Amino acid sequence: MKFEDIQIGQKFETKSYKMNKDEIISFALQFDPQYIHVDEEKAKQSRFKGIIASGLHTINVSFKLWTDLNVLGDNLIAGTGIDQLKFVRPVFPDDVLYVTTEVIKKQERKEDGEVTLLLLSFKNDGELVLKADISALVSK
């Protein structure tokens, strides 16, 4: 979708993705090796009562779900930022996530435009787990 075709208020919803324990642990061992993500026995003693996904893993899955929609397609030039990132609730093994996005800002540039989306990640029960404003350059 080209910059001029994008409208403020446009909304999109992704498919879902089931988080599994092995992926949560594998991701965390490589990128966020805190006990609440990798040590089942110690995590059982935490306030979460078990392993939770790293917030970094959750944003990666969320962004992958959004990207898979291919809304911007070949008109995407590059990401420009992630603002107001909040990890609202923990994500546990077997939680099923989906993402909604809403276009909240458009800004003209010389050769292209910048689009900002409110990205919200939910569990299948509708509980919000993550929110962020993501921005990208989009060709005209």
Protein backbone atom coordinates (compact mmCIF):
# COMPACT_ATOMS: atom_id res chain seq x y z
CA MET A 1 0.00 0.00 0.00
CA LYS A 2 1.42 3.38 -0.99
CA PHE A 3 1.61 6.32 1.42
CA GLU A 4 -1.26 8.21 -0.22
CA ASP A 5 -3.54 5.14 0.06
CA ILE A 6 -3.07 4.88 3.82
CA GLN A 7 -5.75 6.62 5.90
CA ILE A 8 -5.67 7.78 9.53
CA GLY A 9 -7.94 5.45 11.49
CA GLN A 10 -7.41 2.42 9.21
CA LYS A 11 -7.32 -0.77 11.26
CA PHE A 12 -5.85 -4.20 10.64
CA GLU A 13 -5.94 -7.49 12.56
CA THR A 14 -3.47 -10.35 12.25
CA LYS A 15 -3.69 -14.09 12.46
CA SER A 16 -2.84 -15.65 15.81
CA TYR A 17 0.32 -17.30 17.11
CA LYS A 18 0.63 -19.80 19.95
CA MET A 19 3.61 -19.24 22.22
CA ASN A 20 5.28 -22.43 23.31
CA LYS A 21 7.59 -23.09 26.22
CA ASP A 22 10.53 -24.38 24.19
CA GLU A 23 10.55 -21.26 21.98
CA ILE A 24 10.23 -18.99 25.02
CA ILE A 25 13.22 -20.63 26.69
CA SER A 26 15.29 -20.80 23.49
CA PHE A 27 14.72 -17.13 22.70
CA ALA A 28 15.53 -16.08 26.25
CA LEU A 29 18.68 -18.18 26.48
CA GLN A 30 20.01 -16.32 23.47
CA PHE A 31 18.67 -12.80 24.03
CA ASP A 32 17.26 -12.31 27.57
CA PRO A 33 18.57 -15.03 29.91
CA GLN A 34 16.74 -14.04 33.07
CA TYR A 35 15.50 -16.81 35.36
CA ILE A 36 11.80 -15.97 34.78
CA HIS A 37 12.31 -16.90 31.12
CA VAL A 38 14.66 -19.90 31.38
CA ASP A 39 14.57 -21.59 34.80
CA GLU A 40 11.27 -23.41 35.37
CA GLU A 41 11.90 -24.28 39.01
CA LYS A 42 13.02 -20.80 40.03
CA ALA A 43 10.25 -19.19 37.92
CA LYS A 44 7.66 -21.22 39.87
CA GLN A 45 8.77 -19.30 42.97
CA SER A 46 8.26 -15.92 41.26
CA ARG A 47 5.13 -13.78 41.26
CA PHE A 48 4.30 -15.32 37.85
CA LYS A 49 4.31 -18.92 39.18
CA GLY A 50 6.12 -20.15 36.08
CA ILE A 51 8.06 -19.29 32.93
CA ILE A 52 6.98 -16.16 31.05
CA ALA A 53 8.06 -14.94 27.63
CA SER A 54 10.59 -12.17 27.44
CA GLY A 55 9.01 -8.87 26.47
CA LEU A 56 11.56 -8.78 23.66
CA HIS A 57 10.20 -12.11 22.41
CA THR A 58 6.65 -10.78 22.61
CA ILE A 59 7.48 -7.68 20.55
CA ASN A 60 9.26 -9.86 17.99
CA VAL A 61 6.27 -12.17 17.61
CA SER A 62 3.92 -9.20 17.48
CA PHE A 63 5.97 -7.48 14.80
CA LYS A 64 6.18 -10.74 12.80
CA LEU A 65 2.40 -11.11 12.90
CA TRP A 66 1.98 -7.52 11.66
CA THR A 67 4.62 -7.96 8.95
CA ASP A 68 2.97 -11.18 7.72
CA LEU A 69 -0.12 -9.15 6.76
CA ASN A 70 2.10 -7.49 4.12
CA VAL A 71 -0.06 -4.35 4.18
CA LEU A 72 2.76 -2.06 3.06
CA GLY A 73 4.34 -4.65 0.76
CA ASP A 74 7.16 -3.37 -1.43
CA ASN A 75 6.22 0.21 -0.55
CA LEU A 76 7.83 -0.19 2.87
CA ILE A 77 11.20 1.56 2.81
CA ALA A 78 12.39 1.12 6.40
CA GLY A 79 11.24 1.20 9.97
CA THR A 80 11.96 4.49 11.74
CA GLY A 81 11.09 3.83 15.35
CA ILE A 82 9.21 2.21 18.17
CA ASP A 83 7.84 4.62 20.78
CA GLN A 84 5.74 4.21 23.91
CA LEU A 85 6.55 0.48 24.14
CA LYS A 86 4.76 -1.05 27.13
CA PHE A 87 4.76 -4.64 28.31
CA VAL A 88 1.31 -4.61 29.90
CA ARG A 89 0.83 -8.22 31.02
CA PRO A 90 3.00 -11.34 31.04
CA VAL A 91 2.81 -13.91 28.26
CA PHE A 92 2.90 -17.55 29.31
CA PRO A 93 3.55 -20.76 27.39
CA ASP A 94 0.45 -21.76 25.38
CA ASP A 95 -0.92 -18.21 25.29
CA VAL A 96 -2.25 -17.41 21.84
CA LEU A 97 -1.45 -13.90 20.63
CA TYR A 98 -2.90 -11.71 17.91
CA VAL A 99 -2.23 -8.11 16.95
CA THR A 100 -4.33 -5.16 15.91
CA THR A 101 -2.89 -2.01 14.37
CA GLU A 102 -4.40 1.39 13.71
CA VAL A 103 -2.91 4.17 11.62
CA ILE A 104 -2.56 7.10 14.03
CA LYS A 105 -0.30 9.51 12.13
CA LYS A 106 0.94 10.34 8.63
CA GLN A 107 3.69 12.79 7.82
CA GLU A 108 4.78 13.91 4.35
CA ARG A 109 8.47 13.79 3.54
CA LYS A 110 10.32 15.05 0.45
CA GLU A 111 10.47 11.76 -1.39
CA ASP A 112 8.24 9.54 0.73
CA GLY A 113 6.03 9.57 3.83
CA GLU A 114 6.18 8.36 7.40
CA VAL A 115 3.32 6.36 8.89
CA THR A 116 2.82 5.65 12.59
CA LEU A 117 0.68 2.77 13.79
CA LEU A 118 -0.62 1.92 17.24
CA LEU A 119 0.25 -1.75 17.61
CA LEU A 120 -1.67 -3.71 20.26
CA SER A 121 -0.98 -7.36 21.12
CA PHE A 122 -3.66 -9.39 22.83
CA LYS A 123 -4.13 -12.86 24.23
CA ASN A 124 -7.00 -14.77 22.64
CA ASP A 125 -9.18 -13.89 25.64
CA GLY A 126 -8.82 -10.22 24.68
CA GLU A 127 -6.35 -9.32 27.43
CA LEU A 128 -3.87 -6.65 26.29
CA VAL A 129 -0.24 -7.76 26.73
CA LEU A 130 1.77 -5.20 24.75
CA LYS A 131 1.34 -1.82 23.10
CA ALA A 132 3.64 0.38 21.05
CA ASP A 133 3.68 3.08 18.42
CA ILE A 134 5.63 1.83 15.40
CA SER A 135 6.70 4.06 12.53
CA ALA A 136 8.00 3.43 9.03
CA LEU A 137 8.91 5.22 5.85
CA VAL A 138 6.54 4.37 3.00
CA SER A 139 6.94 5.23 -0.67
CA LYS A 140 4.47 7.59 -2.37
